[in-house]
C-alpha cells in the first residue's frame, strides 16, 4: 500500500465544523487541501517529509499526531493549536496525548499571537525568523535540541507543568540542548529551566549569571552617585524585578543583558551598570 493510500483527508462529520480531518500516514509529498478549504485537524496522523511551505491556514489543529522532517517555511497560521486535549467536544480530563514535531523547519512562519501549544514536544526543530512573539500559553510545551534564529519576543518557556500532571504523565517539561546563539531575545522568560543546559548568544551583550540577588544588592549603592532621580528610580525598579524573578523562577540564576538594567536608561548608563553587575561575582558560564 502506498503512503498516500494510508492517509485519509475527509470533511468533519459535524456540519458545524469547517475543518477537514487528516488521519493515517503520509510521506514525501506536498500537503494539499481541497479548493476552498483552509482549516484542518490532524487526528492521530503521522506525516514524514511533508511540504507545507507557503500555505495559509484559517485553522490548524493537532491531536495526538507526529510531524517529522516537515517544512513549514512561510506558512501563515491564523489559528493554531499544536496539541489539543480532545478530537471533538469536551475533554474528560483523563488523558492528553502528546503531539511531536521532530526535525521540522519553521522558517519565516507566522505563528498567531497567543498560540495554544498544549502537550507538544519539539525535537531538533529550527525556528528561523519565525514570528514567535506574545506566546504565553506554553505551559505544557517541551523543546529539546531546537535552534532559534532571529528575534524572539515576549515568549515564556516553562520547565514545570502548572496543572494536568496526571493527564500529561509528568510534572516537568523537557527543555534542554536548545541553541539560542543566533537569536535576539526580547522580553523572553525562562521558568524553572536549567539555563546551563542551553546554548546562549556569545555576544558581549549577554551573560549567564548566578547569585542575582547578591549582585543586585552589591550594585544598588552605585545608583546613589547618579544625579538624575528618574534614572535611579528606573534602575532600582529594574534590578529589584530581576532579582525577584531570578529567585522565583531559576534558583537565583538568569540570562542578563544591559536592557535588564533599565530599558529607559541612557545606553551609557546601562552599559556601566551592566559591567558592574557582571563583576560582582563569577559567571555560571563563560562568555
C-alpha atoms as a PDB file:
ATOM      1  CA  UNK A   1       0.000   0.000   0.000  1.00  0.00           C
ATOM      2  CA  UNK A   2       1.410   3.415  -0.910  1.00  0.00           C
ATOM      3  CA  UNK A   3       1.945   6.155   1.648  1.00  0.00           C
ATOM      4  CA  UNK A   4      -0.798   8.208   0.037  1.00  0.00           C
ATOM      5  CA  UNK A   5      -3.312   5.358   0.359  1.00  0.00           C
ATOM      6  CA  UNK A   6      -2.558   5.067   4.054  1.00  0.00           C
ATOM      7  CA  UNK A   7      -3.610   8.673   4.553  1.00  0.00           C
ATOM      8  CA  UNK A   8      -7.182   9.951   4.637  1.00  0.00           C
ATOM      9  CA  UNK A   9      -8.457  13.512   4.352  1.00  0.00           C
ATOM     10  CA  UNK A  10     -12.188  13.860   4.847  1.00  0.00           C
ATOM     11  CA  UNK A  11     -14.703  16.527   5.835  1.00  0.00           C
ATOM     12  CA  UNK A  12     -15.602  16.701   9.503  1.00  0.00           C
ATOM     13  CA  UNK A  13     -18.776  14.721  10.284  1.00  0.00           C
ATOM     14  CA  UNK A  14     -20.097  17.721  12.203  1.00  0.00           C
ATOM     15  CA  UNK A  15     -21.788  20.276   9.976  1.00  0.00           C
ATOM     16  CA  UNK A  16     -20.730  22.992  12.428  1.00  0.00           C
ATOM     17  CA  UNK A  17     -17.032  22.160  11.960  1.00  0.00           C
ATOM     18  CA  UNK A  18     -15.433  23.558   8.759  1.00  0.00           C
ATOM     19  CA  UNK A  19     -12.134  21.706   9.322  1.00  0.00           C
ATOM     20  CA  UNK A  20     -11.265  18.620   7.315  1.00  0.00           C
ATOM     21  CA  UNK A  21      -9.877  15.664   9.268  1.00  0.00           C
ATOM     22  CA  UNK A  22      -6.468  14.192   8.347  1.00  0.00           C
ATOM     23  CA  UNK A  23      -5.632  10.693   9.627  1.00  0.00           C
ATOM     24  CA  UNK A  24      -3.158   7.936   8.833  1.00  0.00           C
ATOM     25  CA  UNK A  25       0.349   8.350   7.401  1.00  0.00           C
ATOM     26  CA  UNK A  26       1.748  10.421   4.581  1.00  0.00           C
ATOM     27  CA  UNK A  27       5.364  10.586   3.388  1.00  0.00           C
ATOM     28  CA  UNK A  28       7.381  12.684   0.976  1.00  0.00           C
ATOM     29  CA  UNK A  29       4.547  14.691  -0.524  1.00  0.00           C
ATOM     30  CA  UNK A  30       3.148  18.154  -0.813  1.00  0.00           C
ATOM     31  CA  UNK A  31       0.218  18.649   1.546  1.00  0.00           C
ATOM     32  CA  UNK A  32      -2.861  19.984  -0.203  1.00  0.00           C
ATOM     33  CA  UNK A  33      -6.376  20.798   0.906  1.00  0.00           C
ATOM     34  CA  UNK A  34      -9.412  20.780  -1.382  1.00  0.00           C
ATOM     35  CA  UNK A  35     -10.279  24.038  -3.099  1.00  0.00           C
ATOM     36  CA  UNK A  36     -11.975  26.466  -0.750  1.00  0.00           C
ATOM     37  CA  UNK A  37     -10.835  24.616   2.400  1.00  0.00           C
ATOM     38  CA  UNK A  38      -8.348  26.295   4.756  1.00  0.00           C
ATOM     39  CA  UNK A  39      -8.965  24.504   8.075  1.00  0.00           C
ATOM     40  CA  UNK A  40      -7.598  21.084   9.018  1.00  0.00           C
ATOM     41  CA  UNK A  41      -7.415  18.867  12.098  1.00  0.00           C
ATOM     42  CA  UNK A  42      -4.718  16.184  12.296  1.00  0.00           C
ATOM     43  CA  UNK A  43      -6.123  13.332  14.353  1.00  0.00           C
ATOM     44  CA  UNK A  44      -3.567  10.649  15.288  1.00  0.00           C
ATOM     45  CA  UNK A  45      -1.798  11.249  11.987  1.00  0.00           C
ATOM     46  CA  UNK A  46       1.860  10.755  11.059  1.00  0.00           C
ATOM     47  CA  UNK A  47       3.473  12.947   8.435  1.00  0.00           C
ATOM     48  CA  UNK A  48       7.080  12.449   7.321  1.00  0.00           C
ATOM     49  CA  UNK A  49       8.926  14.780   4.932  1.00  0.00           C
ATOM     50  CA  UNK A  50       5.706  16.583   4.014  1.00  0.00           C
ATOM     51  CA  UNK A  51       5.868  20.033   2.419  1.00  0.00           C
ATOM     52  CA  UNK A  52       3.507  22.655   3.862  1.00  0.00           C
ATOM     53  CA  UNK A  53       5.566  25.640   2.669  1.00  0.00           C
ATOM     54  CA  UNK A  54       3.733  28.806   1.703  1.00  0.00           C
ATOM     55  CA  UNK A  55       0.304  27.596   2.822  1.00  0.00           C
ATOM     56  CA  UNK A  56      -2.192  29.670   4.752  1.00  0.00           C
ATOM     57  CA  UNK A  57      -4.455  28.021   7.322  1.00  0.00           C
ATOM     58  CA  UNK A  58      -7.533  29.615   8.850  1.00  0.00           C
ATOM     59  CA  UNK A  59      -7.230  26.909  11.493  1.00  0.00           C
ATOM     60  CA  UNK A  60      -4.579  24.233  12.087  1.00  0.00           C
ATOM     61  CA  UNK A  61      -5.350  21.808  14.914  1.00  0.00           C
ATOM     62  CA  UNK A  62      -3.300  18.811  16.041  1.00  0.00           C
ATOM     63  CA  UNK A  63      -4.400  15.899  18.238  1.00  0.00           C
ATOM     64  CA  UNK A  64      -2.015  13.062  19.134  1.00  0.00           C
ATOM     65  CA  UNK A  65      -0.033  13.346  15.885  1.00  0.00           C
ATOM     66  CA  UNK A  66       3.600  13.277  14.694  1.00  0.00           C
ATOM     67  CA  UNK A  67       5.334  15.510  12.167  1.00  0.00           C
ATOM     68  CA  UNK A  68       8.852  14.512  11.152  1.00  0.00           C
ATOM     69  CA  UNK A  69      11.191  16.468   8.841  1.00  0.00           C
ATOM     70  CA  UNK A  70       8.264  18.581   7.639  1.00  0.00           C
ATOM     71  CA  UNK A  71       8.723  22.013   6.063  1.00  0.00           C
ATOM     72  CA  UNK A  72       6.571  24.863   7.373  1.00  0.00           C
ATOM     73  CA  UNK A  73       8.535  27.628   5.620  1.00  0.00           C
ATOM     74  CA  UNK A  74       6.417  30.722   5.028  1.00  0.00           C
ATOM     75  CA  UNK A  75       3.270  29.150   6.475  1.00  0.00           C
ATOM     76  CA  UNK A  76       0.669  31.526   7.908  1.00  0.00           C
ATOM     77  CA  UNK A  77      -1.398  30.199  10.801  1.00  0.00           C
ATOM     78  CA  UNK A  78      -4.431  32.323  11.643  1.00  0.00           C
ATOM     79  CA  UNK A  79      -5.486  29.996  14.454  1.00  0.00           C
ATOM     80  CA  UNK A  80      -3.162  27.296  15.747  1.00  0.00           C
ATOM     81  CA  UNK A  81      -3.495  24.542  18.361  1.00  0.00           C
ATOM     82  CA  UNK A  82      -0.345  22.420  18.445  1.00  0.00           C
ATOM     83  CA  UNK A  83      -1.684  19.637  20.675  1.00  0.00           C
ATOM     84  CA  UNK A  84      -5.318  19.690  21.696  1.00  0.00           C
ATOM     85  CA  UNK A  85      -6.783  17.663  24.534  1.00  0.00           C
ATOM     86  CA  UNK A  86      -9.561  16.020  22.519  1.00  0.00           C
ATOM     87  CA  UNK A  87     -10.768  15.356  18.992  1.00  0.00           C
ATOM     88  CA  UNK A  88     -14.171  16.943  19.432  1.00  0.00           C
ATOM     89  CA  UNK A  89     -16.368  18.094  22.257  1.00  0.00           C
ATOM     90  CA  UNK A  90     -15.420  18.407  25.921  1.00  0.00           C
ATOM     91  CA  UNK A  91     -12.220  16.988  27.376  1.00  0.00           C
ATOM     92  CA  UNK A  92     -12.715  14.377  30.105  1.00  0.00           C
ATOM     93  CA  UNK A  93      -9.504  15.420  31.882  1.00  0.00           C
ATOM     94  CA  UNK A  94      -8.173  11.838  31.940  1.00  0.00           C
ATOM     95  CA  UNK A  95      -5.737  11.564  29.035  1.00  0.00           C
ATOM     96  CA  UNK A  96      -3.871  14.102  26.935  1.00  0.00           C
ATOM     97  CA  UNK A  97      -1.849  12.538  24.081  1.00  0.00           C
ATOM     98  CA  UNK A  98       1.351  14.349  23.170  1.00  0.00           C
ATOM     99  CA  UNK A  99       1.926  15.627  19.654  1.00  0.00           C
ATOM    100  CA  UNK A 100       5.512  15.656  18.373  1.00  0.00           C
ATOM    101  CA  UNK A 101       7.308  17.814  15.812  1.00  0.00           C
ATOM    102  CA  UNK A 102      10.696  16.257  15.071  1.00  0.00           C
ATOM    103  CA  UNK A 103      13.297  17.826  12.785  1.00  0.00           C
ATOM    104  CA  UNK A 104      10.772  20.276  11.345  1.00  0.00           C
ATOM    105  CA  UNK A 105      11.617  23.679   9.880  1.00  0.00           C
ATOM    106  CA  UNK A 106       9.644  26.793  10.782  1.00  0.00           C
ATOM    107  CA  UNK A 107      11.294  29.440   8.609  1.00  0.00           C
ATOM    108  CA  UNK A 108       9.546  32.812   8.473  1.00  0.00           C
ATOM    109  CA  UNK A 109       6.484  31.023   9.797  1.00  0.00           C
ATOM    110  CA  UNK A 110       3.754  33.274  11.130  1.00  0.00           C
ATOM    111  CA  UNK A 111       2.535  31.986  14.459  1.00  0.00           C
ATOM    112  CA  UNK A 112      -0.613  33.745  15.666  1.00  0.00           C
ATOM    113  CA  UNK A 113      -0.483  35.688  18.912  1.00  0.00           C
ATOM    114  CA  UNK A 114      -1.129  33.571  21.996  1.00  0.00           C
ATOM    115  CA  UNK A 115      -0.913  30.232  20.209  1.00  0.00           C
ATOM    116  CA  UNK A 116      -2.234  27.316  22.241  1.00  0.00           C
ATOM    117  CA  UNK A 117       0.774  24.997  22.299  1.00  0.00           C
ATOM    118  CA  UNK A 118      -0.718  22.303  24.527  1.00  0.00           C
ATOM    119  CA  UNK A 119       1.007  18.989  25.171  1.00  0.00           C
ATOM    120  CA  UNK A 120       3.507  19.271  22.326  1.00  0.00           C
ATOM    121  CA  UNK A 121       7.152  18.262  22.034  1.00  0.00           C
ATOM    122  CA  UNK A 122       9.610  19.862  19.607  1.00  0.00           C
ATOM    123  CA  UNK A 123      12.792  17.870  18.924  1.00  0.00           C
ATOM    124  CA  UNK A 124      15.616  19.207  16.712  1.00  0.00           C
ATOM    125  CA  UNK A 125      13.305  21.786  15.151  1.00  0.00           C
ATOM    126  CA  UNK A 126      14.519  25.048  13.646  1.00  0.00           C
ATOM    127  CA  UNK A 127      12.681  28.293  14.306  1.00  0.00           C
ATOM    128  CA  UNK A 128      14.300  30.616  11.776  1.00  0.00           C
ATOM    129  CA  UNK A 129      12.983  34.193  11.903  1.00  0.00           C
ATOM    130  CA  UNK A 130       9.570  32.850  12.745  1.00  0.00           C
ATOM    131  CA  UNK A 131       7.114  35.252  14.261  1.00  0.00           C
ATOM    132  CA  UNK A 132       7.464  33.863  17.769  1.00  0.00           C
ATOM    133  CA  UNK A 133       6.069  36.638  19.914  1.00  0.00           C
ATOM    134  CA  UNK A 134       3.494  37.181  22.639  1.00  0.00           C
ATOM    135  CA  UNK A 135       3.375  33.446  23.332  1.00  0.00           C
ATOM    136  CA  UNK A 136       2.365  32.844  26.916  1.00  0.00           C
ATOM    137  CA  UNK A 137       0.402  29.587  26.662  1.00  0.00           C
ATOM    138  CA  UNK A 138       3.388  27.218  26.653  1.00  0.00           C
ATOM    139  CA  UNK A 139       2.681  25.570  29.990  1.00  0.00           C
ATOM    140  CA  UNK A 140       2.903  22.004  28.625  1.00  0.00           C
ATOM    141  CA  UNK A 141       5.308  22.507  25.680  1.00  0.00           C
ATOM    142  CA  UNK A 142       8.702  20.757  25.529  1.00  0.00           C
ATOM    143  CA  UNK A 143      11.719  21.887  23.495  1.00  0.00           C
ATOM    144  CA  UNK A 144      14.761  19.629  23.034  1.00  0.00           C
ATOM    145  CA  UNK A 145      17.810  20.393  20.820  1.00  0.00           C
ATOM    146  CA  UNK A 146      15.963  23.102  18.897  1.00  0.00           C
ATOM    147  CA  UNK A 147      17.596  26.078  17.154  1.00  0.00           C
ATOM    148  CA  UNK A 148      16.204  29.604  17.446  1.00  0.00           C
ATOM    149  CA  UNK A 149      17.292  32.234  14.926  1.00  0.00           C
ATOM    150  CA  UNK A 150      16.249  35.862  14.694  1.00  0.00           C
ATOM    151  CA  UNK A 151      14.026  37.791  17.045  1.00  0.00           C
ATOM    152  CA  UNK A 152      12.076  36.017  19.794  1.00  0.00           C
ATOM    153  CA  UNK A 153       9.843  38.432  21.652  1.00  0.00           C
ATOM    154  CA  UNK A 154       7.532  38.231  24.670  1.00  0.00           C
ATOM    155  CA  UNK A 155       7.932  34.469  24.962  1.00  0.00           C
ATOM    156  CA  UNK A 156       7.623  32.280  28.043  1.00  0.00           C
ATOM    157  CA  UNK A 157       9.330  28.893  28.289  1.00  0.00           C
ATOM    158  CA  UNK A 158       8.423  26.668  31.208  1.00  0.00           C
ATOM    159  CA  UNK A 159      10.173  23.741  32.845  1.00  0.00           C
ATOM    160  CA  UNK A 160       7.303  22.870  35.159  1.00  0.00           C
ATOM    161  CA  UNK A 161       3.751  21.998  34.289  1.00  0.00           C
ATOM    162  CA  UNK A 162       1.318  24.014  36.359  1.00  0.00           C
ATOM    163  CA  UNK A 163      -1.672  21.653  36.117  1.00  0.00           C
ATOM    164  CA  UNK A 164      -2.984  18.484  34.419  1.00  0.00           C
ATOM    165  CA  UNK A 165       0.052  16.476  35.614  1.00  0.00           C
ATOM    166  CA  UNK A 166      -1.964  13.251  35.787  1.00  0.00           C
ATOM    167  CA  UNK A 167      -3.211  13.586  32.212  1.00  0.00           C
ATOM    168  CA  UNK A 168       0.253  14.555  30.964  1.00  0.00           C
ATOM    169  CA  UNK A 169       2.029  11.810  32.891  1.00  0.00           C
ATOM    170  CA  UNK A 170       4.710  14.230  34.086  1.00  0.00           C
ATOM    171  CA  UNK A 171       5.220  17.275  36.257  1.00  0.00           C
ATOM    172  CA  UNK A 172       8.148  18.716  34.290  1.00  0.00           C
ATOM    173  CA  UNK A 173       8.738  19.656  30.678  1.00  0.00           C
ATOM    174  CA  UNK A 174      11.957  18.671  28.903  1.00  0.00           C
ATOM    175  CA  UNK A 175      13.868  21.793  27.960  1.00  0.00           C
ATOM    176  CA  UNK A 176      17.482  21.036  27.142  1.00  0.00           C
ATOM    177  CA  UNK A 177      20.130  21.413  24.453  1.00  0.00           C
ATOM    178  CA  UNK A 178      18.392  24.347  22.773  1.00  0.00           C
ATOM    179  CA  UNK A 179      20.569  26.740  20.771  1.00  0.00           C
ATOM    180  CA  UNK A 180      19.864  30.458  21.151  1.00  0.00           C
ATOM    181  CA  UNK A 181      23.256  31.639  19.868  1.00  0.00           C
ATOM    182  CA  UNK A 182      21.683  33.147  16.740  1.00  0.00           C
ATOM    183  CA  UNK A 183      18.638  34.588  18.492  1.00  0.00           C
ATOM    184  CA  UNK A 184      17.775  38.082  19.634  1.00  0.00           C
ATOM    185  CA  UNK A 185      15.885  37.674  22.896  1.00  0.00           C
ATOM    186  CA  UNK A 186      13.481  40.430  23.846  1.00  0.00           C
ATOM    187  CA  UNK A 187      11.349  40.020  26.969  1.00  0.00           C
ATOM    188  CA  UNK A 188      11.896  36.248  26.946  1.00  0.00           C
ATOM    189  CA  UNK A 189      11.364  34.470  30.270  1.00  0.00           C
ATOM    190  CA  UNK A 190      12.601  31.029  31.359  1.00  0.00           C
ATOM    191  CA  UNK A 191      10.650  29.498  34.233  1.00  0.00           C
ATOM    192  CA  UNK A 192      12.268  26.681  36.237  1.00  0.00           C
ATOM    193  CA  UNK A 193      14.609  25.728  33.407  1.00  0.00           C
ATOM    194  CA  UNK A 194      18.240  24.614  33.665  1.00  0.00           C
ATOM    195  CA  UNK A 195      19.844  27.596  31.948  1.00  0.00           C
ATOM    196  CA  UNK A 196      23.239  25.931  31.804  1.00  0.00           C
ATOM    197  CA  UNK A 197      21.782  23.117  29.684  1.00  0.00           C
ATOM    198  CA  UNK A 198      21.146  25.523  26.771  1.00  0.00           C
ATOM    199  CA  UNK A 199      23.427  27.419  24.383  1.00  0.00           C
ATOM    200  CA  UNK A 200      23.289  31.201  24.626  1.00  0.00           C
ATOM    201  CA  UNK A 201      24.360  34.126  22.443  1.00  0.00           C
ATOM    202  CA  UNK A 202      28.119  34.576  22.613  1.00  0.00           C
ATOM    203  CA  UNK A 203      27.787  38.338  22.314  1.00  0.00           C
ATOM    204  CA  UNK A 204      29.147  40.871  24.818  1.00  0.00           C
ATOM    205  CA  UNK A 205      25.562  41.979  25.495  1.00  0.00           C
ATOM    206  CA  UNK A 206      24.513  38.706  27.168  1.00  0.00           C
ATOM    207  CA  UNK A 207      25.764  36.877  30.227  1.00  0.00           C
ATOM    208  CA  UNK A 208      24.519  33.815  32.089  1.00  0.00           C
ATOM    209  CA  UNK A 209      24.978  34.779  35.742  1.00  0.00           C
ATOM    210  CA  UNK A 210      24.456  33.236  39.146  1.00  0.00           C
ATOM    211  CA  UNK A 211      23.752  34.884  42.544  1.00  0.00           C
ATOM    212  CA  UNK A 212      21.485  37.505  41.001  1.00  0.00           C
ATOM    213  CA  UNK A 213      20.135  38.685  44.374  1.00  0.00           C
ATOM    214  CA  UNK A 214      23.655  39.248  45.740  1.00  0.00           C
ATOM    215  CA  UNK A 215      24.692  41.103  42.594  1.00  0.00           C
ATOM    216  CA  UNK A 216      21.692  43.415  42.836  1.00  0.00           C
ATOM    217  CA  UNK A 217      22.453  44.186  46.488  1.00  0.00           C
ATOM    218  CA  UNK A 218      26.073  44.945  45.546  1.00  0.00           C
ATOM    219  CA  UNK A 219      25.323  47.418  42.752  1.00  0.00           C
ATOM    220  CA  UNK A 220      22.353  49.273  44.240  1.00  0.00           C
ATOM    221  CA  UNK A 221      24.621  51.667  46.210  1.00  0.00           C
ATOM    222  CA  UNK A 222      26.204  52.744  42.913  1.00  0.00           C
ATOM    223  CA  UNK A 223      22.924  54.320  41.872  1.00  0.00           C
ATOM    224  CA  UNK A 224      23.213  56.938  44.614  1.00  0.00           C
ATOM    225  CA  UNK A 225      26.018  58.574  42.627  1.00  0.00           C
ATOM    226  CA  UNK A 226      23.712  59.267  39.698  1.00  0.00           C
ATOM    227  CA  UNK A 227      22.389  62.845  39.705  1.00  0.00           C
ATOM    228  CA  UNK A 228      19.124  62.123  37.849  1.00  0.00           C
ATOM    229  CA  UNK A 229      16.325  60.851  40.111  1.00  0.00           C
ATOM    230  CA  UNK A 230      14.471  59.304  37.182  1.00  0.00           C
ATOM    231  CA  UNK A 231      17.496  57.219  36.228  1.00  0.00           C
ATOM    232  CA  UNK A 232      17.956  55.999  39.789  1.00  0.00           C
ATOM    233  CA  UNK A 233      14.291  55.037  40.050  1.00  0.00           C
ATOM    234  CA  UNK A 234      14.293  53.207  36.704  1.00  0.00           C
ATOM    235  CA  UNK A 235      17.456  51.231  37.536  1.00  0.00           C
ATOM    236  CA  UNK A 236      16.326  50.340  41.053  1.00  0.00           C
ATOM    237  CA  UNK A 237      12.957  49.058  39.841  1.00  0.00           C
ATOM    238  CA  UNK A 238      14.553  47.002  37.036  1.00  0.00           C
ATOM    239  CA  UNK A 239      17.203  45.465  39.279  1.00  0.00           C
ATOM    240  CA  UNK A 240      14.754  44.531  42.010  1.00  0.00           C
ATOM    241  CA  UNK A 241      12.428  42.993  39.433  1.00  0.00           C
ATOM    242  CA  UNK A 242      15.363  40.999  38.008  1.00  0.00           C
ATOM    243  CA  UNK A 243      16.291  39.710  41.469  1.00  0.00           C
ATOM    244  CA  UNK A 244      12.717  38.715  42.326  1.00  0.00           C
ATOM    245  CA  UNK A 245      12.105  36.829  39.080  1.00  0.00           C
ATOM    246  CA  UNK A 246      15.501  35.075  39.078  1.00  0.00           C
ATOM    247  CA  UNK A 247      14.977  33.843  42.620  1.00  0.00           C
ATOM    248  CA  UNK A 248      11.417  32.712  41.972  1.00  0.00           C
ATOM    249  CA  UNK A 249      11.995  31.113  38.583  1.00  0.00           C
ATOM    250  CA  UNK A 250      15.517  29.751  38.277  1.00  0.00           C
ATOM    251  CA  UNK A 251      17.307  29.331  41.599  1.00  0.00           C
ATOM    252  CA  UNK A 252      18.743  32.854  41.506  1.00  0.00           C
ATOM    253  CA  UNK A 253      20.237  32.489  38.014  1.00  0.00           C
ATOM    254  CA  UNK A 254      19.376  34.464  34.889  1.00  0.00           C
ATOM    255  CA  UNK A 255      20.452  35.296  31.380  1.00  0.00           C
ATOM    256  CA  UNK A 256      21.135  39.018  31.685  1.00  0.00           C
ATOM    257  CA  UNK A 257      21.648  41.804  29.157  1.00  0.00           C
ATOM    258  CA  UNK A 258      22.159  45.573  29.554  1.00  0.00           C
ATOM    259  CA  UNK A 259      18.445  46.078  28.872  1.00  0.00           C
ATOM    260  CA  UNK A 260      17.705  44.301  32.158  1.00  0.00           C
ATOM    261  CA  UNK A 261      19.394  47.198  33.928  1.00  0.00           C
ATOM    262  CA  UNK A 262      16.600  49.500  32.774  1.00  0.00           C
ATOM    263  CA  UNK A 263      15.201  49.910  29.299  1.00  0.00           C
ATOM    264  CA  UNK A 264      14.613  53.637  29.728  1.00  0.00           C
ATOM    265  CA  UNK A 265      18.155  54.340  30.885  1.00  0.00           C
ATOM    266  CA  UNK A 266      20.603  56.080  28.539  1.00  0.00           C
ATOM    267  CA  UNK A 267      22.757  53.422  26.819  1.00  0.00           C
ATOM    268  CA  UNK A 268      25.939  54.615  28.528  1.00  0.00           C
ATOM    269  CA  UNK A 269      24.410  54.187  31.992  1.00  0.00           C
ATOM    270  CA  UNK A 270      23.025  50.764  31.080  1.00  0.00           C
ATOM    271  CA  UNK A 271      26.438  49.554  29.964  1.00  0.00           C
ATOM    272  CA  UNK A 272      28.155  50.985  33.035  1.00  0.00           C
ATOM    273  CA  UNK A 273      25.709  49.276  35.372  1.00  0.00           C
ATOM    274  CA  UNK A 274      25.798  46.012  33.427  1.00  0.00           C
ATOM    275  CA  UNK A 275      29.585  45.786  33.661  1.00  0.00           C
ATOM    276  CA  UNK A 276      29.462  46.490  37.388  1.00  0.00           C
ATOM    277  CA  UNK A 277      26.739  43.867  37.746  1.00  0.00           C
ATOM    278  CA  UNK A 278      28.834  41.255  35.974  1.00  0.00           C
ATOM    279  CA  UNK A 279      31.945  41.938  38.060  1.00  0.00           C
ATOM    280  CA  UNK A 280      30.299  41.386  41.442  1.00  0.00           C
ATOM    281  CA  UNK A 281      30.868  37.585  41.369  1.00  0.00           C
ATOM    282  CA  UNK A 282      31.801  34.792  38.981  1.00  0.00           C
ATOM    283  CA  UNK A 283      29.629  33.875  35.994  1.00  0.00           C
ATOM    284  CA  UNK A 284      27.985  30.476  35.825  1.00  0.00           C
ATOM    285  CA  UNK A 285      29.015  30.137  32.194  1.00  0.00           C
ATOM    286  CA  UNK A 286      31.869  31.563  30.122  1.00  0.00           C
ATOM    287  CA  UNK A 287      31.252  34.338  27.624  1.00  0.00           C
END
